[in-house]
Amino acid sequence: IEDGAPTFGTLTNTRCTSESSTAQKYGGSNSFLVTEDGSTSTNFYTRFAGTGLTNTKPYQGEVWVYLPSGQTTDTITLYQKVNNGEILYDSTTVTDTWTKLSTGAFTVIGHVSDWYMAVRGVESGGGSVGSGDIYYWDDMSFKEVKIEDLKGSNDGTVYGATIDDDLYGSDTPVIPRAIDNAPTVQAD
């Protein structure tokens, strides 16, 4: 984004304009400012047709977003279009601070050319977004999920697993410790 354009894929604006901006930034010196263009709609967004992604390989995506307060647009969502459908991965209503939106693990299945990721500004009640409303995005990335083949009998592909960012996945069970309530015993 530092040179004013994403470093991957094709960027398309829908009911908005986008440009490099120094007003807000997460990483580096620039981010993308997305401005609603005055259309009457429930959303506006930039979308990225990914190039360099391989059909059937697992990936994980993320983007940092900034939603200013005091406007009609009150939510930013992260969508993926796959063939004829869409998947909502993540959203935020947090304002005036940078927030990470993530896809978790996903696989591009079908036509890679018919795939895109969209960062959308919406009004959560389903009404129209405000004319001239804005949001920012920065540091979008797609990383291939690679799994080491420890057995030598497969290609390392994992099915049905999820990826946690923290050390223990926030779901490590707490094992209760036994308490010895027996009376003190003395030897004869």
C-alpha atoms as a PDB file:
ATOM      1  CA  ILE A   1       0.000   0.000   0.000  1.00  0.00           C
ATOM      2  CA  GLU A   2       2.956   2.302   0.518  1.00  0.00           C
ATOM      3  CA  ASP A   3       3.131   3.074  -3.218  1.00  0.00           C
ATOM      4  CA  GLY A   4      -0.637   3.718  -3.475  1.00  0.00           C
ATOM      5  CA  ALA A   5      -1.786   0.306  -4.739  1.00  0.00           C
ATOM      6  CA  PRO A   6      -2.230  -3.190  -3.323  1.00  0.00           C
ATOM      7  CA  THR A   7       0.686  -5.493  -4.052  1.00  0.00           C
ATOM      8  CA  PHE A   8      -1.497  -8.389  -5.179  1.00  0.00           C
ATOM      9  CA  GLY A   9      -4.513  -9.006  -7.360  1.00  0.00           C
ATOM     10  CA  THR A  10      -7.006  -6.582  -8.835  1.00  0.00           C
ATOM     11  CA  LEU A  11      -8.769  -3.919  -6.751  1.00  0.00           C
ATOM     12  CA  THR A  12     -12.388  -3.048  -7.675  1.00  0.00           C
ATOM     13  CA  ASN A  13     -14.480  -0.329  -6.002  1.00  0.00           C
ATOM     14  CA  THR A  14     -18.225  -0.840  -5.607  1.00  0.00           C
ATOM     15  CA  ARG A  15     -20.302   2.252  -4.740  1.00  0.00           C
ATOM     16  CA  CYS A  16     -17.143   3.984  -3.509  1.00  0.00           C
ATOM     17  CA  THR A  17     -13.770   5.433  -4.344  1.00  0.00           C
ATOM     18  CA  SER A  18     -10.496   4.389  -2.756  1.00  0.00           C
ATOM     19  CA  GLU A  19      -7.131   6.038  -2.526  1.00  0.00           C
ATOM     20  CA  SER A  20      -3.893   5.877  -0.609  1.00  0.00           C
ATOM     21  CA  SER A  21      -4.036   8.014   2.540  1.00  0.00           C
ATOM     22  CA  THR A  22      -1.713   9.127   5.319  1.00  0.00           C
ATOM     23  CA  ALA A  23      -4.590  10.321   7.571  1.00  0.00           C
ATOM     24  CA  GLN A  24      -4.813   6.915   9.324  1.00  0.00           C
ATOM     25  CA  LYS A  25      -2.368   4.039   9.032  1.00  0.00           C
ATOM     26  CA  TYR A  26      -1.793   0.746  10.782  1.00  0.00           C
ATOM     27  CA  GLY A  27       1.558  -0.283   9.341  1.00  0.00           C
ATOM     28  CA  GLY A  28       3.954   1.838   7.336  1.00  0.00           C
ATOM     29  CA  SER A  29       3.055   5.367   6.282  1.00  0.00           C
ATOM     30  CA  ASN A  30      -0.120   4.801   4.181  1.00  0.00           C
ATOM     31  CA  SER A  31      -3.440   2.977   4.283  1.00  0.00           C
ATOM     32  CA  PHE A  32      -6.383   2.832   1.869  1.00  0.00           C
ATOM     33  CA  LEU A  33      -9.181   5.337   2.429  1.00  0.00           C
ATOM     34  CA  VAL A  34     -12.541   4.066   1.120  1.00  0.00           C
ATOM     35  CA  THR A  35     -15.229   6.746   0.597  1.00  0.00           C
ATOM     36  CA  GLU A  36     -18.906   6.033  -0.181  1.00  0.00           C
ATOM     37  CA  ASP A  37     -19.755   7.696  -3.525  1.00  0.00           C
ATOM     38  CA  GLY A  38     -23.313   8.943  -2.864  1.00  0.00           C
ATOM     39  CA  SER A  39     -25.146   5.867  -4.145  1.00  0.00           C
ATOM     40  CA  THR A  40     -28.180   4.759  -2.166  1.00  0.00           C
ATOM     41  CA  SER A  41     -27.265   1.318  -0.895  1.00  0.00           C
ATOM     42  CA  THR A  42     -26.859  -0.798   2.220  1.00  0.00           C
ATOM     43  CA  ASN A  43     -23.097  -1.169   1.696  1.00  0.00           C
ATOM     44  CA  PHE A  44     -19.984   0.012  -0.123  1.00  0.00           C
ATOM     45  CA  TYR A  45     -16.745  -1.888  -0.531  1.00  0.00           C
ATOM     46  CA  THR A  46     -13.418  -2.595  -2.140  1.00  0.00           C
ATOM     47  CA  ARG A  47     -12.843  -6.115  -3.358  1.00  0.00           C
ATOM     48  CA  PHE A  48      -9.687  -7.950  -4.337  1.00  0.00           C
ATOM     49  CA  ALA A  49      -9.559 -10.623  -7.004  1.00  0.00           C
ATOM     50  CA  GLY A  50      -6.603 -12.619  -5.788  1.00  0.00           C
ATOM     51  CA  THR A  51      -3.871 -13.635  -8.114  1.00  0.00           C
ATOM     52  CA  GLY A  52      -1.224 -16.077  -7.084  1.00  0.00           C
ATOM     53  CA  LEU A  53      -3.648 -18.221  -5.065  1.00  0.00           C
ATOM     54  CA  THR A  54      -3.803 -21.881  -6.027  1.00  0.00           C
ATOM     55  CA  ASN A  55      -7.026 -23.846  -6.363  1.00  0.00           C
ATOM     56  CA  THR A  56      -7.590 -26.345  -3.468  1.00  0.00           C
ATOM     57  CA  LYS A  57      -4.742 -25.025  -1.262  1.00  0.00           C
ATOM     58  CA  PRO A  58      -5.627 -23.757   2.234  1.00  0.00           C
ATOM     59  CA  TYR A  59      -5.018 -20.077   3.050  1.00  0.00           C
ATOM     60  CA  GLN A  60      -5.568 -17.709   5.939  1.00  0.00           C
ATOM     61  CA  GLY A  61      -6.387 -14.043   5.314  1.00  0.00           C
ATOM     62  CA  GLU A  62      -6.429 -10.926   7.446  1.00  0.00           C
ATOM     63  CA  VAL A  63      -6.828  -7.170   7.095  1.00  0.00           C
ATOM     64  CA  TRP A  64      -6.609  -4.280   9.564  1.00  0.00           C
ATOM     65  CA  VAL A  65      -9.544  -1.818   9.425  1.00  0.00           C
ATOM     66  CA  TYR A  66     -10.346   1.565  10.964  1.00  0.00           C
ATOM     67  CA  LEU A  67     -13.930   2.847  11.244  1.00  0.00           C
ATOM     68  CA  PRO A  68     -14.325   6.499  12.307  1.00  0.00           C
ATOM     69  CA  SER A  69     -17.191   7.260  14.703  1.00  0.00           C
ATOM     70  CA  GLY A  70     -20.014   9.727  14.056  1.00  0.00           C
ATOM     71  CA  GLN A  71     -21.292   8.400  10.718  1.00  0.00           C
ATOM     72  CA  THR A  72     -24.140   6.192   9.476  1.00  0.00           C
ATOM     73  CA  THR A  73     -21.803   3.321   8.531  1.00  0.00           C
ATOM     74  CA  ASP A  74     -21.302   1.473  11.813  1.00  0.00           C
ATOM     75  CA  THR A  75     -19.876  -1.914  10.809  1.00  0.00           C
ATOM     76  CA  ILE A  76     -17.037  -3.212   8.651  1.00  0.00           C
ATOM     77  CA  THR A  77     -17.282  -6.782   7.387  1.00  0.00           C
ATOM     78  CA  LEU A  78     -14.869  -9.180   5.666  1.00  0.00           C
ATOM     79  CA  TYR A  79     -16.485 -11.336   2.969  1.00  0.00           C
ATOM     80  CA  GLN A  80     -15.228 -13.937   0.536  1.00  0.00           C
ATOM     81  CA  LYS A  81     -16.999 -14.698  -2.736  1.00  0.00           C
ATOM     82  CA  VAL A  82     -16.693 -18.291  -3.870  1.00  0.00           C
ATOM     83  CA  ASN A  83     -18.367 -19.315  -7.124  1.00  0.00           C
ATOM     84  CA  ASN A  84     -22.011 -18.195  -6.720  1.00  0.00           C
ATOM     85  CA  GLY A  85     -22.047 -17.587  -2.965  1.00  0.00           C
ATOM     86  CA  GLU A  86     -20.507 -15.444  -0.253  1.00  0.00           C
ATOM     87  CA  ILE A  87     -19.068 -16.225   3.167  1.00  0.00           C
ATOM     88  CA  LEU A  88     -19.047 -13.668   5.994  1.00  0.00           C
ATOM     89  CA  TYR A  89     -15.849 -14.277   7.945  1.00  0.00           C
ATOM     90  CA  ASP A  90     -15.535 -11.438  10.403  1.00  0.00           C
ATOM     91  CA  SER A  91     -16.903  -8.018  11.296  1.00  0.00           C
ATOM     92  CA  THR A  92     -16.372  -5.167  13.733  1.00  0.00           C
ATOM     93  CA  THR A  93     -18.333  -2.249  15.139  1.00  0.00           C
ATOM     94  CA  VAL A  94     -15.314  -0.861  17.015  1.00  0.00           C
ATOM     95  CA  THR A  95     -14.674   2.761  16.107  1.00  0.00           C
ATOM     96  CA  ASP A  96     -11.650   5.053  16.231  1.00  0.00           C
ATOM     97  CA  THR A  97      -9.102   2.250  16.603  1.00  0.00           C
ATOM     98  CA  TRP A  98      -7.467  -0.288  14.278  1.00  0.00           C
ATOM     99  CA  THR A  99      -9.065  -3.748  14.428  1.00  0.00           C
ATOM    100  CA  LYS A 100      -7.945  -6.992  12.758  1.00  0.00           C
ATOM    101  CA  LEU A 101     -10.477  -8.960  10.698  1.00  0.00           C
ATOM    102  CA  SER A 102      -9.541 -12.559   9.869  1.00  0.00           C
ATOM    103  CA  THR A 103     -10.811 -15.328   7.642  1.00  0.00           C
ATOM    104  CA  GLY A 104      -9.483 -18.291   9.546  1.00  0.00           C
ATOM    105  CA  ALA A 105      -8.489 -21.118   7.211  1.00  0.00           C
ATOM    106  CA  PHE A 106     -10.210 -21.228   3.816  1.00  0.00           C
ATOM    107  CA  THR A 107      -9.674 -23.034   0.545  1.00  0.00           C
ATOM    108  CA  VAL A 108     -10.222 -21.601  -2.909  1.00  0.00           C
ATOM    109  CA  ILE A 109     -12.348 -24.294  -4.562  1.00  0.00           C
ATOM    110  CA  GLY A 110     -13.578 -24.050  -8.111  1.00  0.00           C
ATOM    111  CA  HIS A 111     -12.609 -21.157 -10.310  1.00  0.00           C
ATOM    112  CA  VAL A 112      -9.834 -19.014  -8.864  1.00  0.00           C
ATOM    113  CA  SER A 113     -10.818 -16.331 -11.378  1.00  0.00           C
ATOM    114  CA  ASP A 114     -14.318 -16.188  -9.816  1.00  0.00           C
ATOM    115  CA  TRP A 115     -12.977 -15.556  -6.309  1.00  0.00           C
ATOM    116  CA  TYR A 116     -12.569 -12.324  -4.353  1.00  0.00           C
ATOM    117  CA  MET A 117     -12.278 -10.935  -0.825  1.00  0.00           C
ATOM    118  CA  ALA A 118     -14.320  -7.812   0.071  1.00  0.00           C
ATOM    119  CA  VAL A 119     -14.002  -5.306   2.931  1.00  0.00           C
ATOM    120  CA  ARG A 120     -17.459  -3.715   3.287  1.00  0.00           C
ATOM    121  CA  GLY A 121     -18.833  -0.749   5.156  1.00  0.00           C
ATOM    122  CA  VAL A 122     -22.468  -1.360   6.200  1.00  0.00           C
ATOM    123  CA  GLU A 123     -25.219   0.040   8.423  1.00  0.00           C
ATOM    124  CA  SER A 124     -26.055  -2.733  10.896  1.00  0.00           C
ATOM    125  CA  GLY A 125     -29.807  -2.055  10.915  1.00  0.00           C
ATOM    126  CA  GLY A 126     -30.046  -2.786   7.188  1.00  0.00           C
ATOM    127  CA  GLY A 127     -30.600   0.846   6.199  1.00  0.00           C
ATOM    128  CA  SER A 128     -28.622   2.854   3.680  1.00  0.00           C
ATOM    129  CA  VAL A 129     -25.047   3.861   4.452  1.00  0.00           C
ATOM    130  CA  GLY A 130     -24.360   7.595   4.605  1.00  0.00           C
ATOM    131  CA  SER A 131     -23.220   9.513   1.564  1.00  0.00           C
ATOM    132  CA  GLY A 132     -19.511  10.216   1.950  1.00  0.00           C
ATOM    133  CA  ASP A 133     -19.034   7.764   4.858  1.00  0.00           C
ATOM    134  CA  ILE A 134     -15.497   6.386   5.093  1.00  0.00           C
ATOM    135  CA  TYR A 135     -13.332   3.602   6.473  1.00  0.00           C
ATOM    136  CA  TYR A 136      -9.680   2.640   6.123  1.00  0.00           C
ATOM    137  CA  TRP A 137      -7.950  -0.701   5.555  1.00  0.00           C
ATOM    138  CA  ASP A 138      -4.284  -1.656   5.755  1.00  0.00           C
ATOM    139  CA  ASP A 139      -1.939  -4.645   5.708  1.00  0.00           C
ATOM    140  CA  MET A 140      -4.178  -7.194   3.978  1.00  0.00           C
ATOM    141  CA  SER A 141      -2.455 -10.540   3.577  1.00  0.00           C
ATOM    142  CA  PHE A 142      -3.135 -14.075   2.422  1.00  0.00           C
ATOM    143  CA  LYS A 143      -0.831 -16.794   3.690  1.00  0.00           C
ATOM    144  CA  GLU A 144      -0.809 -20.398   2.603  1.00  0.00           C
ATOM    145  CA  VAL A 145      -1.426 -22.741   5.525  1.00  0.00           C
ATOM    146  CA  LYS A 146       1.364 -25.294   5.383  1.00  0.00           C
ATOM    147  CA  ILE A 147       1.420 -28.423   7.470  1.00  0.00           C
ATOM    148  CA  GLU A 148       4.561 -30.488   7.841  1.00  0.00           C
ATOM    149  CA  ASP A 149       4.280 -34.089   6.608  1.00  0.00           C
ATOM    150  CA  LEU A 150       5.604 -36.055   9.595  1.00  0.00           C
ATOM    151  CA  LYS A 151       4.548 -39.483   8.312  1.00  0.00           C
ATOM    152  CA  GLY A 152       5.822 -39.335   4.737  1.00  0.00           C
ATOM    153  CA  SER A 153       2.501 -40.799   3.641  1.00  0.00           C
ATOM    154  CA  ASN A 154       0.507 -37.696   2.764  1.00  0.00           C
ATOM    155  CA  ASP A 155       0.924 -34.191   1.376  1.00  0.00           C
ATOM    156  CA  GLY A 156       0.477 -32.430   4.721  1.00  0.00           C
ATOM    157  CA  THR A 157      -3.108 -31.366   4.079  1.00  0.00           C
ATOM    158  CA  VAL A 158      -5.225 -30.933   7.208  1.00  0.00           C
ATOM    159  CA  TYR A 159      -9.013 -31.364   7.022  1.00  0.00           C
ATOM    160  CA  GLY A 160     -11.505 -30.019   9.549  1.00  0.00           C
ATOM    161  CA  ALA A 161      -8.943 -28.145  11.668  1.00  0.00           C
ATOM    162  CA  THR A 162      -9.109 -24.533  12.777  1.00  0.00           C
ATOM    163  CA  ILE A 163      -6.228 -22.149  13.347  1.00  0.00           C
ATOM    164  CA  ASP A 164      -5.798 -20.357  16.683  1.00  0.00           C
ATOM    165  CA  ASP A 165      -3.450 -17.390  16.973  1.00  0.00           C
ATOM    166  CA  ASP A 166      -2.659 -17.712  20.666  1.00  0.00           C
ATOM    167  CA  LEU A 167      -0.473 -20.246  22.417  1.00  0.00           C
ATOM    168  CA  TYR A 168      -3.157 -22.627  23.680  1.00  0.00           C
ATOM    169  CA  GLY A 169      -6.108 -21.690  21.476  1.00  0.00           C
ATOM    170  CA  SER A 170      -8.075 -20.179  24.383  1.00  0.00           C
ATOM    171  CA  ASP A 171      -9.717 -23.549  24.902  1.00  0.00           C
ATOM    172  CA  THR A 172      -7.257 -25.496  27.041  1.00  0.00           C
ATOM    173  CA  PRO A 173      -9.291 -27.142  29.806  1.00  0.00           C
ATOM    174  CA  VAL A 174      -8.572 -26.276  33.416  1.00  0.00           C
ATOM    175  CA  ILE A 175      -7.794 -29.418  35.364  1.00  0.00           C
ATOM    176  CA  PRO A 176      -9.113 -29.194  38.926  1.00  0.00           C
ATOM    177  CA  ARG A 177      -6.522 -29.880  41.571  1.00  0.00           C
ATOM    178  CA  ALA A 178      -7.394 -32.365  44.342  1.00  0.00           C
ATOM    179  CA  ILE A 179      -7.536 -31.050  47.869  1.00  0.00           C
ATOM    180  CA  ASP A 180      -6.616 -33.450  50.656  1.00  0.00           C
ATOM    181  CA  ASN A 181      -9.192 -32.915  53.408  1.00  0.00           C
ATOM    182  CA  ALA A 182      -8.193 -36.018  55.406  1.00  0.00           C
ATOM    183  CA  PRO A 183      -7.380 -35.509  59.085  1.00  0.00           C
ATOM    184  CA  THR A 184      -3.710 -35.420  59.975  1.00  0.00           C
ATOM    185  CA  VAL A 185      -2.419 -38.935  60.735  1.00  0.00           C
ATOM    186  CA  GLN A 186       0.568 -39.627  63.011  1.00  0.00           C
ATOM    187  CA  ALA A 187       2.729 -42.723  63.021  1.00  0.00           C
ATOM    188  CA  ASP A 188       2.879 -44.896  66.226  1.00  0.00           C
END
